[in-house]
Amino acid sequence: MKSKLKLSIAANAGIKVLALVVSLVSTPLMMSFFSNDAVLGAWFTVLSVLNWISFFDFGIGNGLRNDLTYALSEHDDEKACVVISSSIFVLGVVVIVLIPLGAAASVLVDWNAVLAVDKGELGADDLAAGMTIVIVGTLLQLILKLVNSLLYAVQRNAAPALLLLVSNCLILLAVAFPPFLTGSGEKFMYMCITEVVALSVPLIFAAFVLFVTKLKSYVPRFKNVRSSYFRALGSLGLNFFVIQIALLFISSTNEMFIGLLCGSGSVVPYSVAFRVFNLILVFFGVMAQPIWSDMASSFAMRDSCRICIVHRKYLALAVIASVGTIVIGLFINPVLAIWLGSQAPALSLVESASLVFLVAVTVLTNSETCLGNATNRLGPQVVGYCLGAIAKYPLSVGLSIIIPGWASVVLANGFVLIPVLVSQHIANRWLTANGEEDSVA
């Protein structure tokens, strides 16, 4: 790999180590802050809902990232201005339309039923008010998060991770030193406000810095908005959007489905245990964004040989990460006991194995889809993730008959990713085969 790519990965890794420390400290603090397991489980589920909304940008962010990378690689300043201004304009219109709908939904939905938490433990009014804050706040963040796409396009791949680390540190401080609060309702509202503010402030600062330095020649202006670009943005963005929504439904509904099938109290052991297994996804994900940017740049320059080399190494690292997942699975209960002491849940063999299976399938799938994302070859993901989203809940219910408990949901999550892994690998063969021929020549 190029030295620049290695440096980017190393920087990401360092930031992720710090993020890991923050996560290790914040989890027991959060468990103490929400002394009621049902309310804590509801909050974990809310965070997964926020994850849904935060990617609800109709694929505009990923479309902006790829198109801007291509434009900058080709030194096409006019196209770069059009891409940035048009993308921000379109997403701004979308957000303006969605905010009243999100606010109405946050009030009309029976969140106690959705989150499987009793009204005696968390009042309906407090829950509705908190959900209004986080839904509207997260919708506004959709525009702010385009900053991450801009940073990836200009090869500042570690910056988004750094911004998220700053946000998590702010949340940690808020949980470690909260004001005097009485009752679950006040605590829930406090965390909703904290989450929105902590995630927004670093993005606002980064946007300001970016447009007075690296992208000062591309400051978004209405005169650079081009309706002719909307069609291309819509086509690419729609594919990314469908993938995002389907994948989020697959990967971010575990807490919700566990709550529905097993009760909100069962969300806590899953969420806590997954944070340990998530170490593999975090460190493997350290490489994903720099590699995506590098592949997109190489694709713009028609360097199929380099794409092949990077892809092959990334796939090998996915295999190594899968082996690491098995090691974590063998020692998960002692690790939880050391980390959380008497609060640590005890996982069964089936529960541990289900998490190993899910993480291993996920990293292998990500290694293949990264190449598809960088080259805009998204067909296998569009079809595969949509089918997976449809199949996940029925499969979870069916597996729950055979395998009681939350492991059934985790296994279902892993199974529905396998068709995407296989189909994307087949779709990638044409490009990697061409790269291998070029390297031999």
Protein backbone atom coordinates (compact mmCIF):
# COMPACT_ATOMS: atom_id res chain seq x y z
CA MET A 1 0.00 0.00 0.00
CA LYS A 2 1.10 3.59 -0.59
CA SER A 3 2.71 5.33 2.36
CA LYS A 4 -0.11 7.91 2.41
CA LEU A 5 -2.70 5.16 2.72
CA LYS A 6 -0.69 3.45 5.46
CA LEU A 7 -0.37 6.72 7.35
CA SER A 8 -4.11 7.30 7.08
CA ILE A 9 -4.84 3.81 8.40
CA ALA A 10 -2.34 4.27 11.24
CA ALA A 11 -3.93 7.59 12.22
CA ASN A 12 -7.36 6.00 12.17
CA ALA A 13 -6.07 3.14 14.32
CA GLY A 14 -4.68 5.52 16.92
CA ILE A 15 -7.96 7.39 17.12
CA LYS A 16 -9.89 4.14 17.41
CA VAL A 17 -7.70 3.07 20.35
CA LEU A 18 -8.63 6.27 22.14
CA ALA A 19 -12.28 5.68 21.20
CA LEU A 20 -12.02 2.21 22.70
CA VAL A 21 -10.78 3.67 25.98
CA VAL A 22 -13.68 6.11 26.01
CA SER A 23 -16.14 3.27 25.32
CA LEU A 24 -14.70 1.09 28.07
CA VAL A 25 -15.05 3.92 30.57
CA SER A 26 -18.46 5.13 29.43
CA THR A 27 -20.29 1.78 29.45
CA PRO A 28 -20.18 1.13 33.23
CA LEU A 29 -20.93 4.83 33.81
CA MET A 30 -23.97 4.57 31.57
CA MET A 31 -25.13 1.44 33.39
CA SER A 32 -24.86 3.30 36.68
CA PHE A 33 -26.53 6.42 35.27
CA PHE A 34 -29.57 4.40 34.15
CA SER A 35 -30.01 2.17 37.18
CA ASN A 36 -33.11 0.56 35.61
CA ASP A 37 -32.21 -2.13 33.05
CA ALA A 38 -35.46 -1.65 31.11
CA VAL A 39 -34.76 2.09 30.68
CA LEU A 40 -31.12 1.39 29.82
CA GLY A 41 -32.26 -1.13 27.21
CA ALA A 42 -34.67 1.47 25.82
CA TRP A 43 -31.83 4.01 25.56
CA PHE A 44 -29.60 1.51 23.71
CA THR A 45 -32.49 0.93 21.31
CA VAL A 46 -32.93 4.69 20.84
CA LEU A 47 -29.26 4.93 19.89
CA SER A 48 -29.86 2.30 17.22
CA VAL A 49 -32.84 4.33 15.91
CA LEU A 50 -30.59 7.40 15.77
CA ASN A 51 -28.17 5.33 13.74
CA TRP A 52 -30.95 4.67 11.26
CA ILE A 53 -31.82 8.32 10.87
CA SER A 54 -28.22 9.50 10.69
CA PHE A 55 -27.78 7.57 7.43
CA PHE A 56 -31.14 8.63 5.99
CA ASP A 57 -29.57 11.00 3.44
CA PHE A 58 -30.85 9.24 0.31
CA GLY A 59 -27.30 8.17 -0.45
CA ILE A 60 -26.31 11.75 -1.20
CA GLY A 61 -23.33 11.61 1.15
CA ASN A 62 -21.75 8.61 -0.56
CA GLY A 63 -22.60 9.97 -4.00
CA LEU A 64 -20.95 13.27 -3.07
CA ARG A 65 -17.92 11.44 -1.77
CA ASN A 66 -17.34 9.41 -4.94
CA ASP A 67 -18.15 12.19 -7.43
CA LEU A 68 -16.01 14.75 -5.61
CA THR A 69 -13.13 12.27 -5.41
CA TYR A 70 -13.36 11.72 -9.17
CA ALA A 71 -13.57 15.49 -9.85
CA LEU A 72 -10.58 16.34 -7.66
CA SER A 73 -8.53 13.48 -9.12
CA GLU A 74 -9.26 14.87 -12.61
CA HIS A 75 -8.59 18.48 -11.44
CA ASP A 76 -12.06 19.50 -12.64
CA ASP A 77 -12.74 22.50 -10.38
CA GLU A 78 -16.05 23.40 -12.03
CA LYS A 79 -17.43 19.92 -11.51
CA ALA A 80 -16.22 19.94 -7.89
CA CYS A 81 -18.13 23.18 -7.21
CA VAL A 82 -21.27 21.78 -8.82
CA VAL A 83 -21.05 18.49 -6.91
CA ILE A 84 -20.66 20.18 -3.51
CA SER A 85 -23.28 22.92 -3.95
CA SER A 86 -25.87 20.68 -5.63
CA SER A 87 -25.51 17.89 -3.05
CA ILE A 88 -25.93 20.26 -0.10
CA PHE A 89 -28.91 21.95 -1.78
CA VAL A 90 -30.73 18.69 -2.51
CA LEU A 91 -30.16 17.27 0.97
CA GLY A 92 -31.21 20.58 2.53
CA VAL A 93 -34.55 20.37 0.71
CA VAL A 94 -34.98 16.76 1.84
CA VAL A 95 -34.29 17.69 5.48
CA ILE A 96 -36.78 20.59 5.37
CA VAL A 97 -39.46 18.17 4.17
CA LEU A 98 -38.58 15.45 6.68
CA ILE A 99 -38.40 17.57 9.85
CA PRO A 100 -42.18 18.10 10.27
CA LEU A 101 -42.80 14.45 9.42
CA GLY A 102 -40.21 13.33 11.97
CA ALA A 103 -41.62 15.63 14.63
CA ALA A 104 -45.15 14.31 14.01
CA ALA A 105 -43.98 10.69 14.12
CA SER A 106 -42.10 11.24 17.38
CA VAL A 107 -45.33 12.39 19.02
CA LEU A 108 -47.81 9.99 17.41
CA VAL A 109 -45.84 6.74 17.77
CA ASP A 110 -46.35 4.72 20.95
CA TRP A 111 -42.66 4.57 21.86
CA ASN A 112 -43.31 2.62 25.05
CA ALA A 113 -44.62 -0.23 22.91
CA VAL A 114 -41.88 0.09 20.29
CA LEU A 115 -39.10 0.16 22.90
CA ALA A 116 -40.80 -2.42 25.12
CA VAL A 117 -40.55 -0.28 28.26
CA ASP A 118 -43.38 0.10 30.77
CA LYS A 119 -44.92 3.55 31.24
CA GLY A 120 -44.32 3.22 34.96
CA GLU A 121 -40.58 2.99 34.32
CA LEU A 122 -40.42 5.73 31.64
CA GLY A 123 -43.40 8.02 31.13
CA ALA A 124 -44.97 8.37 27.67
CA ASP A 125 -44.65 12.18 27.70
CA ASP A 126 -40.96 12.10 28.62
CA LEU A 127 -40.32 9.45 25.99
CA ALA A 128 -42.18 11.38 23.27
CA ALA A 129 -40.40 14.65 24.12
CA GLY A 130 -37.01 12.95 24.12
CA MET A 131 -37.68 11.25 20.80
CA THR A 132 -38.74 14.59 19.28
CA ILE A 133 -35.42 16.09 20.29
CA VAL A 134 -33.29 13.27 18.94
CA ILE A 135 -35.24 12.76 15.70
CA VAL A 136 -35.32 16.45 14.73
CA GLY A 137 -31.73 16.96 15.89
CA THR A 138 -30.49 13.96 13.96
CA LEU A 139 -32.29 15.10 10.80
CA LEU A 140 -30.48 18.44 11.01
CA GLN A 141 -27.23 16.53 11.42
CA LEU A 142 -27.76 14.92 8.01
CA ILE A 143 -26.56 18.14 6.40
CA LEU A 144 -23.71 18.53 8.86
CA LYS A 145 -22.55 14.96 8.22
CA LEU A 146 -21.85 15.81 4.60
CA VAL A 147 -18.66 17.23 6.13
CA ASN A 148 -17.50 13.63 6.59
CA SER A 149 -18.02 12.92 2.88
CA LEU A 150 -16.01 16.02 2.00
CA LEU A 151 -13.20 14.97 4.34
CA TYR A 152 -13.04 11.50 2.78
CA ALA A 153 -12.99 13.01 -0.73
CA VAL A 154 -9.96 15.18 0.10
CA GLN A 155 -8.20 12.18 1.66
CA ARG A 156 -8.55 13.40 5.26
CA ASN A 157 -9.72 9.93 6.23
CA ALA A 158 -8.87 10.12 9.93
CA ALA A 159 -10.75 13.36 10.51
CA PRO A 160 -14.30 11.90 10.70
CA ALA A 161 -13.14 9.37 13.30
CA LEU A 162 -11.52 12.17 15.27
CA LEU A 163 -14.74 14.21 15.21
CA LEU A 164 -16.70 11.21 16.48
CA LEU A 165 -14.12 10.67 19.23
CA VAL A 166 -14.56 14.28 20.36
CA SER A 167 -18.34 13.77 20.42
CA ASN A 168 -18.01 10.61 22.48
CA CYS A 169 -15.70 12.39 24.92
CA LEU A 170 -18.30 15.11 25.37
CA ILE A 171 -20.95 12.47 26.03
CA LEU A 172 -18.63 10.72 28.50
CA LEU A 173 -18.14 13.95 30.42
CA ALA A 174 -21.88 14.55 30.47
CA VAL A 175 -22.52 11.08 31.92
CA ALA A 176 -19.63 11.26 34.38
CA PHE A 177 -20.65 14.67 35.74
CA PRO A 178 -24.41 15.00 35.28
CA PRO A 179 -26.53 17.67 36.96
CA PHE A 180 -28.86 16.64 39.76
CA LEU A 181 -31.60 14.60 38.13
CA THR A 182 -34.56 12.79 39.66
CA GLY A 183 -36.34 9.97 37.91
CA SER A 184 -35.82 8.08 34.67
CA GLY A 185 -37.69 10.68 32.62
CA GLU A 186 -35.28 13.51 33.45
CA LYS A 187 -32.27 11.28 32.83
CA PHE A 188 -33.66 10.18 29.48
CA MET A 189 -34.29 13.78 28.38
CA TYR A 190 -30.84 14.82 29.55
CA MET A 191 -29.19 12.11 27.45
CA CYS A 192 -31.27 13.01 24.38
CA ILE A 193 -30.15 16.64 24.52
CA THR A 194 -26.55 15.63 25.26
CA GLU A 195 -26.44 13.23 22.31
CA VAL A 196 -27.69 15.81 19.80
CA VAL A 197 -25.44 18.65 21.00
CA ALA A 198 -22.31 16.51 21.36
CA LEU A 199 -22.62 15.11 17.84
CA SER A 200 -23.42 18.46 16.18
CA VAL A 201 -20.81 20.84 17.63
CA PRO A 202 -17.66 19.08 16.27
CA LEU A 203 -19.23 18.83 12.79
CA ILE A 204 -20.02 22.55 12.73
CA PHE A 205 -16.44 23.37 13.71
CA ALA A 206 -15.03 20.99 11.08
CA ALA A 207 -17.20 22.50 8.33
CA PHE A 208 -15.91 25.97 9.14
CA VAL A 209 -12.26 24.86 9.13
CA LEU A 210 -12.65 22.86 5.91
CA PHE A 211 -14.17 25.71 3.90
CA VAL A 212 -11.58 28.26 4.99
CA THR A 213 -8.67 25.95 4.20
CA LYS A 214 -8.69 22.89 1.91
CA LEU A 215 -11.98 23.65 0.15
CA LYS A 216 -11.94 27.45 0.26
CA SER A 217 -12.34 27.54 -3.55
CA TYR A 218 -15.41 25.32 -3.38
CA VAL A 219 -17.57 27.06 -0.79
CA PRO A 220 -21.19 26.07 -1.55
CA ARG A 221 -23.09 28.74 -3.47
CA PHE A 222 -26.57 28.70 -4.94
CA LYS A 223 -25.22 29.81 -8.34
CA ASN A 224 -23.27 26.53 -8.54
CA VAL A 225 -26.38 24.38 -8.08
CA ARG A 226 -27.13 22.55 -11.33
CA SER A 227 -30.39 20.77 -11.98
CA SER A 228 -28.58 18.75 -14.67
CA TYR A 229 -26.53 17.14 -11.92
CA PHE A 230 -29.64 16.10 -9.97
CA ARG A 231 -30.34 13.18 -12.29
CA ALA A 232 -26.86 11.69 -11.95
CA LEU A 233 -26.88 12.37 -8.22
CA GLY A 234 -30.34 10.86 -7.94
CA SER A 235 -29.41 7.67 -9.76
CA LEU A 236 -26.23 7.01 -7.79
CA GLY A 237 -27.67 8.39 -4.59
CA LEU A 238 -30.79 6.24 -4.89
CA ASN A 239 -28.71 3.08 -5.09
CA PHE A 240 -26.65 4.11 -2.07
CA PHE A 241 -29.84 5.13 -0.26
CA VAL A 242 -31.53 1.78 -0.84
CA ILE A 243 -28.39 0.03 0.38
CA GLN A 244 -28.16 2.26 3.46
CA ILE A 245 -31.76 1.77 4.48
CA ALA A 246 -31.76 -1.98 3.89
CA LEU A 247 -28.40 -2.43 5.65
CA LEU A 248 -29.47 -0.27 8.57
CA PHE A 249 -32.63 -2.30 8.91
CA ILE A 250 -30.50 -5.44 8.98
CA SER A 251 -27.75 -4.25 11.31
CA SER A 252 -29.55 -1.73 13.54
CA THR A 253 -32.70 -3.64 14.45
CA ASN A 254 -31.07 -6.23 16.67
CA GLU A 255 -31.92 -4.30 19.84
CA MET A 256 -35.47 -3.70 18.68
CA PHE A 257 -36.11 -7.30 17.65
CA ILE A 258 -34.53 -8.62 20.84
CA GLY A 259 -36.78 -6.31 22.83
CA LEU A 260 -39.86 -7.51 20.94
CA LEU A 261 -39.00 -11.20 21.15
CA CYS A 262 -37.29 -11.38 24.54
CA GLY A 263 -38.11 -8.16 26.44
CA SER A 264 -36.10 -4.95 26.77
CA GLY A 265 -34.04 -6.40 29.65
CA SER A 266 -32.43 -8.84 27.21
CA VAL A 267 -31.10 -5.93 25.16
CA VAL A 268 -28.55 -5.10 27.87
CA PRO A 269 -26.48 -8.34 27.82
CA TYR A 270 -26.47 -8.33 24.02
CA SER A 271 -25.45 -4.66 23.81
CA VAL A 272 -22.72 -5.03 26.42
CA ALA A 273 -21.30 -8.21 24.87
CA PHE A 274 -21.46 -6.80 21.35
CA ARG A 275 -19.32 -3.85 22.44
CA VAL A 276 -16.49 -6.29 23.06
CA PHE A 277 -16.95 -8.10 19.75
CA ASN A 278 -17.35 -4.73 18.07
CA LEU A 279 -13.63 -4.19 18.67
CA ILE A 280 -12.99 -6.31 15.59
CA LEU A 281 -15.44 -4.28 13.50
CA VAL A 282 -13.96 -1.04 14.79
CA PHE A 283 -10.36 -1.92 13.98
CA PHE A 284 -11.30 -3.51 10.67
CA GLY A 285 -13.36 -0.43 9.89
CA VAL A 286 -10.26 1.68 10.50
CA MET A 287 -9.07 0.52 7.09
CA ALA A 288 -12.40 0.74 5.25
CA GLN A 289 -12.67 4.49 4.74
CA PRO A 290 -9.06 5.14 3.61
CA ILE A 291 -9.20 2.09 1.34
CA TRP A 292 -12.53 3.20 -0.16
CA SER A 293 -11.07 6.65 -0.89
CA ASP A 294 -7.88 5.14 -2.30
CA MET A 295 -9.81 2.74 -4.56
CA ALA A 296 -12.11 5.53 -5.78
CA SER A 297 -9.11 7.69 -6.65
CA SER A 298 -7.41 4.75 -8.41
CA PHE A 299 -10.62 3.99 -10.28
CA ALA A 300 -10.84 7.59 -11.50
CA MET A 301 -7.28 7.24 -12.83
CA ARG A 302 -8.11 3.80 -14.33
CA ASP A 303 -5.44 2.08 -12.24
CA SER A 304 -7.03 -1.37 -12.02
CA CYS A 305 -3.73 -2.96 -10.99
CA ARG A 306 -3.56 -0.94 -7.78
CA ILE A 307 -7.24 -1.57 -7.04
CA CYS A 308 -6.60 -5.30 -7.31
CA ILE A 309 -3.59 -5.18 -4.97
CA VAL A 310 -5.39 -3.16 -2.31
CA HIS A 311 -8.53 -5.30 -2.53
CA ARG A 312 -6.57 -8.53 -2.18
CA LYS A 313 -4.75 -7.28 0.91
CA TYR A 314 -8.00 -6.03 2.43
CA LEU A 315 -9.63 -9.41 1.92
CA ALA A 316 -6.67 -11.14 3.60
CA LEU A 317 -7.02 -8.80 6.57
CA ALA A 318 -10.72 -9.73 6.76
CA VAL A 319 -9.75 -13.37 7.19
CA ILE A 320 -7.31 -12.43 9.97
CA ALA A 321 -10.03 -10.37 11.65
CA SER A 322 -12.38 -13.37 11.53
CA VAL A 323 -9.80 -15.48 13.35
CA GLY A 324 -9.50 -12.72 15.97
CA THR A 325 -13.26 -12.86 16.44
CA ILE A 326 -13.06 -16.54 17.33
CA VAL A 327 -10.40 -15.77 19.95
CA ILE A 328 -12.65 -13.14 21.54
CA GLY A 329 -15.52 -15.63 21.55
CA LEU A 330 -13.47 -18.14 23.54
CA PHE A 331 -12.70 -15.63 26.30
CA ILE A 332 -15.75 -13.37 26.27
CA ASN A 333 -17.06 -14.22 29.76
CA PRO A 334 -13.73 -13.64 31.57
CA VAL A 335 -13.32 -10.38 29.64
CA LEU A 336 -16.78 -9.20 30.66
CA ALA A 337 -16.12 -10.16 34.28
CA ILE A 338 -12.86 -8.19 34.36
CA TRP A 339 -14.48 -5.20 32.67
CA LEU A 340 -17.81 -4.97 34.50
CA GLY A 341 -17.30 -7.00 37.64
CA SER A 342 -20.54 -8.01 39.35
CA GLN A 343 -22.58 -6.24 36.64
CA ALA A 344 -21.20 -8.49 33.91
CA PRO A 345 -23.68 -10.77 32.09
CA ALA A 346 -22.76 -14.42 31.54
CA LEU A 347 -23.05 -15.51 27.92
CA SER A 348 -24.00 -19.03 26.90
CA LEU A 349 -22.02 -20.91 24.26
CA VAL A 350 -24.77 -20.28 21.70
CA GLU A 351 -24.84 -16.55 22.44
CA SER A 352 -21.08 -16.24 22.12
CA ALA A 353 -21.02 -18.32 18.93
CA SER A 354 -23.78 -16.20 17.38
CA LEU A 355 -21.73 -13.04 17.89
CA VAL A 356 -18.62 -14.70 16.45
CA PHE A 357 -20.60 -15.74 13.38
CA LEU A 358 -22.14 -12.29 12.87
CA VAL A 359 -18.86 -10.36 13.15
CA ALA A 360 -16.93 -12.78 10.93
CA VAL A 361 -19.56 -12.60 8.17
CA THR A 362 -19.72 -8.81 8.51
CA VAL A 363 -15.98 -8.19 8.03
CA LEU A 364 -15.82 -10.55 5.05
CA THR A 365 -18.83 -8.85 3.48
CA ASN A 366 -17.37 -5.38 4.11
CA SER A 367 -14.12 -6.36 2.40
CA GLU A 368 -16.05 -7.11 -0.79
CA THR A 369 -18.58 -4.27 -0.68
CA CYS A 370 -15.83 -1.69 -0.19
CA LEU A 371 -14.65 -2.31 -3.75
CA GLY A 372 -18.22 -2.15 -5.06
CA ASN A 373 -18.80 1.16 -3.26
CA ALA A 374 -15.63 2.76 -4.60
CA THR A 375 -16.42 1.82 -8.21
CA ASN A 376 -20.18 2.46 -8.07
CA ARG A 377 -20.98 -1.19 -8.83
CA LEU A 378 -23.81 -1.50 -6.37
CA GLY A 379 -26.24 -3.98 -7.94
CA PRO A 380 -25.43 -7.00 -5.72
CA GLN A 381 -25.82 -4.88 -2.59
CA VAL A 382 -29.11 -3.33 -3.69
CA VAL A 383 -30.68 -6.72 -4.30
CA GLY A 384 -28.98 -8.64 -1.50
CA TYR A 385 -29.54 -6.15 1.30
CA CYS A 386 -33.18 -5.59 0.32
CA LEU A 387 -33.87 -9.32 0.43
CA GLY A 388 -32.00 -9.54 3.73
CA ALA A 389 -34.04 -6.72 5.25
CA ILE A 390 -37.26 -8.49 4.28
CA ALA A 391 -36.09 -11.85 5.58
CA LYS A 392 -34.47 -10.83 8.86
CA TYR A 393 -37.47 -10.61 11.19
CA PRO A 394 -39.26 -13.79 9.95
CA LEU A 395 -35.93 -15.62 10.16
CA SER A 396 -35.38 -14.27 13.69
CA VAL A 397 -38.82 -15.52 14.74
CA GLY A 398 -38.21 -18.91 13.15
CA LEU A 399 -34.80 -19.31 14.76
CA SER A 400 -36.21 -18.24 18.14
CA ILE A 401 -38.30 -21.42 18.14
CA ILE A 402 -35.15 -23.50 17.86
CA ILE A 403 -32.76 -21.23 19.75
CA PRO A 404 -34.44 -19.37 22.62
CA GLY A 405 -33.09 -15.95 23.58
CA TRP A 406 -31.38 -13.12 21.77
CA ALA A 407 -28.92 -15.35 19.90
CA SER A 408 -31.65 -16.11 17.33
CA VAL A 409 -31.74 -12.46 16.24
CA VAL A 410 -27.95 -12.25 15.99
CA LEU A 411 -27.75 -15.43 13.91
CA ALA A 412 -30.48 -14.14 11.59
CA ASN A 413 -28.46 -10.96 11.10
CA GLY A 414 -25.43 -12.99 10.02
CA PHE A 415 -27.34 -15.34 7.72
CA VAL A 416 -28.96 -12.57 5.67
CA LEU A 417 -25.53 -11.05 4.92
CA ILE A 418 -24.18 -14.18 3.23
CA PRO A 419 -25.96 -13.66 -0.14
CA VAL A 420 -24.45 -10.16 -0.34
CA LEU A 421 -20.98 -11.51 0.41
CA VAL A 422 -21.20 -14.15 -2.32
CA SER A 423 -22.84 -12.00 -5.02
CA GLN A 424 -20.54 -9.00 -4.48
CA HIS A 425 -17.47 -11.27 -4.62
CA ILE A 426 -18.65 -12.62 -7.98
CA ALA A 427 -19.38 -9.10 -9.25
CA ASN A 428 -15.90 -7.92 -8.22
CA ARG A 429 -14.10 -10.64 -10.12
CA TRP A 430 -14.15 -8.79 -13.47
CA LEU A 431 -12.25 -5.84 -12.02
CA THR A 432 -9.77 -7.78 -9.89
CA ALA A 433 -9.16 -10.17 -12.80
CA ASN A 434 -8.30 -7.23 -15.05
CA GLY A 435 -5.99 -5.86 -12.37
CA GLU A 436 -4.22 -9.18 -12.03
CA GLU A 437 -3.71 -9.32 -15.81
CA ASP A 438 -2.29 -5.80 -15.77
CA SER A 439 0.12 -6.62 -12.95
CA VAL A 440 1.35 -9.72 -14.82
CA ALA A 441 1.81 -7.73 -18.02
